[in-house]
Amino acid sequence: MNSQRTFAGVFELVRQKKHAFHERTPSRPWRLASGSGGFAGCAALIIGILLCPAPAPAGMVSQSVTAFGGGGVGTDQLNVTVSSLLPLILQTENKDEAFAQGVLNGPAGTATINVHACSSPPNPGPGGTAGANVVLDFADTYQITSTTLPIGTPVFVTLIANGARQETTVLDADAGFENSFNVAGSLGGASISFQLGGVPYSFPGSFSHRINLVDGDNQSHDGLFNGVDSQQLMTLVGGRLQSGVVSALVGDFVFVGVSAEAHSQSSATYRALADADAQMVLSWGIHPFDSSIQIVNVTYPGEPVPDNSDLTLDALLQLLPPRPPTVPGVPEPGTLILLGQALAAGLGFTCWRRRRSRSSQ
């Protein structure tokens, strides 16, 4: 039952962060670009916005996994603009699996998160738990310049903030073994924030999907992740493009901050399987409204400034990481026939083999 309390606690922590961020972030109306959805105003994660133009890059990627009682493994990198940590994979003899990977590319204005947890204890055997976590932060400073317009000239720029997520949650228990310990779920949250001329503009969002055989299926998504869903078997995929045209002055500094995290957790007794994962992609940038102005990188002179104004929704969804097959292997021919589409979508081979073998007992 400890894993159940931990899982509920993670959900509550993210909810608290969402409310705290919302209370501290002033809102300001803007003119939305053509085709953009209205910003929902719901917040996700806490992010500090730089208040002075001094170059102060800050990038961090942290990932951790636990399985069967908390045998935790973690890695992190600090003060980075580009980071692609090797995936963390943790497996136990109790048939628990966890996978976590975070990838940050500040100059390109993209970040991805991939987490997966699966529990399917031996039959008979004790209950099992698994968890995967990734936390990511980034900040940078740009400036609006012009070779033809004097400092202080009013201009316009477009702020871009895109997000997409993919969630897969499976919970399966044999008749008579349904109980509250069997839980599968993932949650995530992100905020892409800009500060321009002393005024903050924020695009936050969150999502969660949790299944408990006693409490049922609960899911939600908002803000950045409030896109149109498409369902492929047990997988929900959704994305949203957002942009806002805002006024500025030549010479203004533009501060950007990105914060994101995602968690997956599974908990299962024997004769049950809990499988949950989530993938997230974020894309951000700043686009000159016309050719009379340029955006330059103050923190790293000469380095590119992300734009991403021409990114389509289909292209954004293509940037979602695939579901991790945590253990290499070839499933049985019968499994391929029954679950060919699911496996093609990248479902974990090991969890699905155990799921099918349990159902034949």
Protein backbone atom coordinates (compact mmCIF):
# COMPACT_ATOMS: atom_id res chain seq x y z
CA MET A 1 0.00 0.00 0.00
CA ASN A 2 3.02 2.33 0.36
CA SER A 3 3.33 2.60 -3.41
CA GLN A 4 -0.31 3.60 -3.64
CA ARG A 5 0.21 6.44 -1.19
CA THR A 6 3.34 7.52 -3.05
CA PHE A 7 1.51 7.56 -6.36
CA ALA A 8 -1.33 9.65 -4.96
CA GLY A 9 1.24 11.95 -3.39
CA VAL A 10 2.92 12.62 -6.74
CA PHE A 11 -0.42 13.60 -8.27
CA GLU A 12 -1.13 15.94 -5.35
CA LEU A 13 2.34 17.52 -5.61
CA VAL A 14 1.81 18.40 -9.26
CA ARG A 15 -1.63 19.83 -8.49
CA GLN A 16 -0.08 22.02 -5.77
CA LYS A 17 2.59 23.25 -8.18
CA LYS A 18 -0.06 24.09 -10.76
CA HIS A 19 -2.01 26.25 -8.31
CA ALA A 20 1.10 27.92 -6.88
CA PHE A 21 2.33 28.88 -10.36
CA HIS A 22 -1.06 30.20 -11.38
CA GLU A 23 -1.24 32.43 -8.31
CA ARG A 24 2.17 33.98 -9.00
CA THR A 25 1.85 34.53 -12.74
CA PRO A 26 0.07 37.71 -13.89
CA SER A 27 -1.97 37.38 -17.04
CA ARG A 28 -2.03 39.78 -19.97
CA PRO A 29 -4.34 39.67 -22.97
CA TRP A 30 -2.77 39.40 -26.39
CA ARG A 31 -3.80 39.01 -29.99
CA LEU A 32 -3.69 35.34 -30.91
CA ALA A 33 -2.25 34.43 -34.28
CA SER A 34 -4.55 32.95 -36.88
CA GLY A 35 -5.45 29.35 -36.15
CA SER A 36 -4.31 29.40 -32.53
CA GLY A 37 -6.49 28.17 -29.73
CA GLY A 38 -7.20 30.44 -26.78
CA PHE A 39 -4.89 29.99 -23.82
CA ALA A 40 -6.77 28.18 -21.09
CA GLY A 41 -4.99 29.99 -18.25
CA CYS A 42 -4.40 26.79 -16.25
CA ALA A 43 -0.91 26.41 -14.85
CA ALA A 44 1.40 23.45 -14.50
CA LEU A 45 4.85 23.71 -12.96
CA ILE A 46 6.79 26.35 -11.06
CA ILE A 47 9.36 28.19 -13.17
CA GLY A 48 11.54 31.15 -12.27
CA ILE A 49 11.66 33.94 -14.83
CA LEU A 50 14.83 36.00 -15.07
CA LEU A 51 14.40 39.63 -14.07
CA CYS A 52 17.64 41.19 -15.40
CA PRO A 53 19.41 41.08 -18.77
CA ALA A 54 22.63 39.59 -17.40
CA PRO A 55 23.46 36.40 -19.35
CA ALA A 56 22.54 33.54 -17.04
CA PRO A 57 21.82 30.31 -18.88
CA ALA A 58 20.33 27.55 -16.78
CA GLY A 59 19.58 24.10 -18.10
CA MET A 60 18.93 20.94 -16.12
CA VAL A 61 17.84 17.42 -16.98
CA SER A 62 17.25 14.89 -14.21
CA GLN A 63 15.90 11.37 -14.54
CA SER A 64 15.34 8.54 -12.07
CA VAL A 65 13.79 5.08 -11.90
CA THR A 66 12.69 2.81 -9.06
CA ALA A 67 11.41 -0.73 -8.99
CA PHE A 68 10.22 -3.22 -6.37
CA GLY A 69 10.69 -1.46 -3.08
CA GLY A 70 12.67 1.56 -4.20
CA GLY A 71 15.94 0.31 -5.68
CA GLY A 72 16.45 3.76 -7.17
CA VAL A 73 18.83 4.84 -9.92
CA GLY A 74 19.19 8.44 -11.09
CA THR A 75 21.29 10.71 -13.27
CA ASP A 76 21.30 14.43 -13.90
CA GLN A 77 23.09 17.22 -15.74
CA LEU A 78 23.20 20.87 -14.70
CA ASN A 79 24.00 24.12 -16.53
CA VAL A 80 23.48 22.66 -19.99
CA THR A 81 21.83 23.94 -23.16
CA VAL A 82 21.91 20.58 -24.95
CA SER A 83 21.55 17.31 -23.10
CA SER A 84 20.61 13.80 -24.16
CA LEU A 85 21.15 11.51 -21.21
CA LEU A 86 21.32 7.79 -21.89
CA PRO A 87 18.04 6.10 -20.99
CA LEU A 88 17.79 4.73 -17.47
CA ILE A 89 16.43 1.17 -17.47
CA LEU A 90 15.78 -0.75 -14.27
CA GLN A 91 14.47 -4.32 -14.12
CA THR A 92 14.01 -6.64 -11.15
CA GLU A 93 13.55 -10.33 -10.66
CA ASN A 94 10.05 -9.54 -9.45
CA LYS A 95 9.10 -8.56 -13.04
CA ASP A 96 9.07 -4.81 -12.47
CA GLU A 97 10.42 -2.49 -15.15
CA ALA A 98 11.11 1.24 -15.31
CA PHE A 99 12.46 3.45 -18.10
CA ALA A 100 13.23 7.19 -18.09
CA GLN A 101 14.87 9.57 -20.54
CA GLY A 102 14.94 13.35 -20.94
CA VAL A 103 16.34 15.20 -23.96
CA LEU A 104 16.89 18.98 -24.12
CA ASN A 105 17.95 21.10 -27.11
CA GLY A 106 17.84 24.75 -26.10
CA PRO A 107 19.17 26.27 -29.37
CA ALA A 108 16.55 24.33 -31.35
CA GLY A 109 13.80 25.08 -28.83
CA THR A 110 12.76 21.48 -28.25
CA ALA A 111 12.59 19.06 -25.33
CA THR A 112 11.25 15.53 -24.96
CA ILE A 113 10.46 13.28 -22.00
CA ASN A 114 9.85 9.54 -22.02
CA VAL A 115 8.82 7.55 -18.92
CA HIS A 116 7.54 4.01 -18.51
CA ALA A 117 6.67 1.72 -15.57
CA CYS A 118 5.38 -1.84 -15.63
CA SER A 119 4.64 -4.35 -12.86
CA SER A 120 3.54 -7.95 -13.26
CA PRO A 121 4.67 -10.07 -10.29
CA PRO A 122 5.27 -13.82 -10.70
CA ASN A 123 2.40 -16.18 -10.01
CA PRO A 124 2.41 -16.74 -7.08
CA GLY A 125 4.55 -13.97 -5.66
CA PRO A 126 4.54 -10.69 -3.72
CA GLY A 127 3.25 -7.44 -5.13
CA GLY A 128 5.51 -5.25 -7.19
CA THR A 129 5.98 -1.54 -7.91
CA ALA A 130 7.89 0.53 -10.44
CA GLY A 131 8.30 4.23 -11.11
CA ALA A 132 10.04 6.54 -13.59
CA ASN A 133 10.58 10.30 -13.36
CA VAL A 134 12.10 13.02 -15.53
CA VAL A 135 12.42 16.71 -14.64
CA LEU A 136 13.71 19.30 -17.10
CA ASP A 137 14.37 23.06 -16.91
CA PHE A 138 15.88 25.58 -19.29
CA ALA A 139 16.30 29.37 -19.46
CA ASP A 140 17.90 31.73 -21.96
CA THR A 141 18.04 35.43 -22.90
CA TYR A 142 17.54 37.04 -26.33
CA GLN A 143 17.35 40.62 -27.61
CA ILE A 144 15.33 42.37 -30.31
CA THR A 145 17.68 44.29 -32.62
CA SER A 146 17.47 46.15 -35.92
CA THR A 147 19.92 47.53 -38.47
CA THR A 148 17.39 50.08 -39.73
CA LEU A 149 15.22 51.06 -36.75
CA PRO A 150 16.41 53.07 -33.74
CA ILE A 151 16.31 51.75 -30.19
CA GLY A 152 12.85 52.16 -28.69
CA THR A 153 10.91 51.79 -31.95
CA PRO A 154 7.62 49.88 -31.39
CA VAL A 155 7.58 46.50 -33.15
CA PHE A 156 5.81 43.15 -32.92
CA VAL A 157 7.10 39.64 -32.32
CA THR A 158 5.37 36.27 -32.24
CA LEU A 159 5.87 33.99 -29.23
CA ILE A 160 5.55 30.28 -29.99
CA ALA A 161 4.71 27.57 -27.47
CA ASN A 162 3.73 24.08 -28.65
CA GLY A 163 3.14 20.88 -26.68
CA ALA A 164 2.05 17.32 -27.27
CA ARG A 165 1.73 14.21 -25.14
CA GLN A 166 1.11 10.51 -25.56
CA GLU A 167 -0.25 8.36 -22.74
CA THR A 168 -0.70 4.61 -22.47
CA THR A 169 -2.27 3.08 -19.38
CA VAL A 170 -3.14 -0.61 -19.00
CA LEU A 171 -4.43 -2.34 -15.88
CA ASP A 172 -5.47 -5.97 -16.01
CA ALA A 173 -6.27 -8.31 -13.08
CA ASP A 174 -7.80 -11.77 -13.01
CA ALA A 175 -11.29 -12.15 -11.55
CA GLY A 176 -11.15 -12.16 -7.78
CA PHE A 177 -7.85 -10.27 -7.63
CA GLU A 178 -9.15 -6.74 -8.14
CA ASN A 179 -7.94 -4.50 -5.31
CA SER A 180 -6.79 -0.96 -4.66
CA PHE A 181 -3.10 -1.93 -4.74
CA ASN A 182 -3.37 -2.47 -8.51
CA VAL A 183 -2.68 0.98 -9.99
CA ALA A 184 -1.27 2.26 -13.27
CA GLY A 185 -0.88 5.86 -14.25
CA SER A 186 1.18 8.72 -15.61
CA LEU A 187 1.12 12.46 -15.15
CA GLY A 188 3.02 15.38 -16.53
CA GLY A 189 3.15 19.13 -16.58
CA ALA A 190 5.05 21.86 -18.37
CA SER A 191 5.30 25.62 -18.71
CA ILE A 192 6.81 27.64 -21.52
CA SER A 193 7.19 31.22 -20.25
CA PHE A 194 8.43 34.44 -21.78
CA GLN A 195 9.16 37.82 -20.26
CA LEU A 196 9.26 40.80 -22.59
CA GLY A 197 9.44 44.42 -21.55
CA GLY A 198 8.88 43.40 -17.95
CA VAL A 199 5.63 41.61 -18.77
CA PRO A 200 5.34 37.81 -18.37
CA TYR A 201 3.53 35.58 -20.87
CA SER A 202 2.98 31.96 -19.89
CA PHE A 203 1.77 28.83 -21.67
CA PRO A 204 1.39 26.10 -19.03
CA GLY A 205 -0.41 22.76 -19.20
CA SER A 206 -0.74 19.39 -17.54
CA PHE A 207 -2.09 15.90 -18.11
CA SER A 208 -2.78 12.81 -16.04
CA HIS A 209 -4.21 9.36 -16.59
CA ARG A 210 -4.65 6.95 -13.68
CA ILE A 211 -6.48 3.64 -13.49
CA ASN A 212 -7.34 1.86 -10.26
CA LEU A 213 -9.62 -1.17 -10.32
CA VAL A 214 -11.51 0.23 -7.31
CA ASP A 215 -11.63 3.95 -8.20
CA GLY A 216 -11.92 3.54 -11.96
CA ASP A 217 -10.35 5.39 -14.89
CA ASN A 218 -9.50 9.06 -14.27
CA GLN A 219 -7.86 11.32 -16.84
CA SER A 220 -7.46 15.01 -17.54
CA HIS A 221 -5.42 17.40 -19.66
CA ASP A 222 -5.33 21.17 -20.04
CA GLY A 223 -3.39 24.12 -21.42
CA LEU A 224 -0.44 23.06 -23.57
CA PHE A 225 -1.75 19.50 -23.70
CA ASN A 226 -5.41 20.30 -24.33
CA GLY A 227 -5.18 19.24 -27.97
CA VAL A 228 -7.45 17.02 -30.02
CA ASP A 229 -7.04 13.39 -29.00
CA SER A 230 -6.65 10.41 -31.25
CA GLN A 231 -6.84 6.97 -29.66
CA GLN A 232 -4.80 4.01 -30.87
CA LEU A 233 -5.70 0.96 -28.79
CA MET A 234 -4.88 1.97 -25.20
CA THR A 235 -2.82 4.99 -26.29
CA LEU A 236 -4.07 8.59 -26.27
CA VAL A 237 -2.20 11.09 -28.45
CA GLY A 238 -2.85 14.84 -28.41
CA GLY A 239 -1.06 18.05 -29.33
CA ARG A 240 -1.59 21.78 -29.57
CA LEU A 241 0.07 24.66 -31.40
CA GLN A 242 -0.03 28.06 -29.71
CA SER A 243 1.33 31.46 -30.66
CA GLY A 244 0.75 35.04 -29.59
CA VAL A 245 1.64 38.30 -31.33
CA VAL A 246 2.83 40.83 -28.75
CA SER A 247 4.13 44.38 -28.85
CA ALA A 248 7.76 45.16 -28.05
CA LEU A 249 10.47 47.77 -28.55
CA VAL A 250 13.70 47.51 -30.46
CA GLY A 251 16.34 46.81 -27.83
CA ASP A 252 14.04 44.83 -25.53
CA PHE A 253 15.39 41.70 -23.91
CA VAL A 254 13.35 38.53 -24.14
CA PHE A 255 13.69 35.94 -21.39
CA VAL A 256 12.46 32.41 -21.99
CA GLY A 257 12.02 29.72 -19.37
CA VAL A 258 10.91 26.13 -19.90
CA SER A 259 10.03 23.69 -17.14
CA ALA A 260 8.64 20.20 -17.57
CA GLU A 261 8.30 16.92 -15.74
CA ALA A 262 6.60 13.58 -16.19
CA HIS A 263 6.09 10.56 -13.96
CA SER A 264 4.84 7.03 -14.52
CA GLN A 265 4.10 4.51 -11.79
CA SER A 266 2.78 0.98 -11.65
CA SER A 267 1.71 -1.21 -8.76
CA ALA A 268 0.37 -4.76 -9.02
CA THR A 269 -0.31 -7.89 -7.00
CA TYR A 270 0.24 -11.30 -8.53
CA ARG A 271 -2.28 -12.27 -11.20
CA ALA A 272 -2.35 -8.61 -12.21
CA LEU A 273 -0.49 -6.38 -14.64
CA ALA A 274 -0.05 -2.61 -14.43
CA ASP A 275 1.60 -0.83 -17.35
CA ALA A 276 1.85 2.96 -17.74
CA ASP A 277 3.97 5.32 -19.75
CA ALA A 278 3.95 8.85 -21.09
CA GLN A 279 5.82 10.74 -23.76
CA MET A 280 5.99 14.53 -24.03
CA VAL A 281 7.40 16.99 -26.55
CA LEU A 282 7.72 20.76 -26.18
CA SER A 283 8.62 23.29 -28.86
CA TRP A 284 9.16 27.01 -28.35
CA GLY A 285 10.54 30.06 -30.09
CA ILE A 286 10.28 33.75 -30.94
CA HIS A 287 9.58 34.96 -34.47
CA PRO A 288 10.17 38.50 -35.87
CA PHE A 289 6.90 39.91 -37.17
CA ASP A 290 8.68 41.39 -40.19
CA SER A 291 12.16 41.61 -41.71
CA SER A 292 12.98 44.97 -40.11
CA ILE A 293 14.01 43.31 -36.83
CA GLN A 294 16.24 40.43 -35.81
CA ILE A 295 16.39 38.31 -32.66
CA VAL A 296 19.86 37.58 -31.30
CA ASN A 297 21.13 35.34 -28.53
CA VAL A 298 22.54 37.38 -25.66
CA THR A 299 23.68 34.46 -23.54
CA TYR A 300 25.62 32.83 -26.36
CA PRO A 301 26.38 35.44 -29.04
CA GLY A 302 26.25 33.91 -32.49
CA GLU A 303 24.20 30.92 -31.39
CA PRO A 304 20.79 30.42 -33.04
CA VAL A 305 17.53 31.62 -31.53
CA PRO A 306 14.71 29.07 -31.82
CA ASP A 307 11.83 30.06 -34.08
CA ASN A 308 9.59 27.04 -34.79
CA SER A 309 6.85 29.27 -36.21
CA ASP A 310 6.44 27.00 -39.23
CA LEU A 311 6.04 23.79 -37.25
CA THR A 312 2.83 21.91 -38.08
CA LEU A 313 0.83 19.78 -35.67
CA ASP A 314 1.70 16.63 -37.61
CA ALA A 315 5.40 17.52 -37.42
CA LEU A 316 5.09 18.16 -33.68
CA LEU A 317 3.48 14.76 -33.10
CA GLN A 318 6.28 13.14 -35.07
CA LEU A 319 8.72 14.49 -32.47
CA LEU A 320 7.08 12.46 -29.69
CA PRO A 321 9.46 9.74 -28.51
CA PRO A 322 8.31 6.17 -29.24
CA ARG A 323 7.09 3.96 -26.43
CA PRO A 324 10.12 2.19 -24.97
CA PRO A 325 10.47 -1.56 -25.50
CA THR A 326 12.31 -2.00 -22.21
CA VAL A 327 13.52 -5.55 -22.86
CA PRO A 328 14.69 -6.69 -26.32
CA GLY A 329 13.05 -9.83 -27.58
CA VAL A 330 10.76 -11.39 -30.13
CA PRO A 331 7.23 -12.16 -28.95
CA GLU A 332 5.57 -15.45 -29.63
CA PRO A 333 3.82 -15.79 -33.01
CA GLY A 334 0.43 -15.92 -31.30
CA THR A 335 1.15 -12.63 -29.59
CA LEU A 336 2.06 -11.03 -32.89
CA ILE A 337 -1.26 -12.13 -34.35
CA LEU A 338 -3.28 -10.86 -31.39
CA LEU A 339 -1.34 -7.68 -30.71
CA GLY A 340 0.42 -6.83 -33.95
CA GLN A 341 -0.90 -3.28 -34.07
CA ALA A 342 -0.03 -2.64 -30.45
CA LEU A 343 3.52 -3.92 -30.87
CA ALA A 344 3.95 -1.84 -34.00
CA ALA A 345 3.08 1.19 -31.88
CA GLY A 346 6.05 0.34 -29.63
CA LEU A 347 4.39 -1.37 -26.67
CA GLY A 348 6.76 -3.07 -24.23
CA PHE A 349 7.25 -6.66 -25.38
CA THR A 350 7.85 -8.07 -21.92
CA CYS A 351 4.71 -6.69 -20.31
CA TRP A 352 2.56 -7.88 -23.19
CA ARG A 353 4.06 -11.38 -23.17
CA ARG A 354 3.34 -11.69 -19.46
CA ARG A 355 -0.16 -10.30 -19.96
CA ARG A 356 -0.96 -12.95 -22.53
CA SER A 357 0.67 -15.77 -20.57
CA ARG A 358 -1.35 -14.86 -17.48
CA SER A 359 -4.60 -14.85 -19.42
CA SER A 360 -3.95 -18.39 -20.62
CA GLN A 361 -3.49 -19.78 -17.12
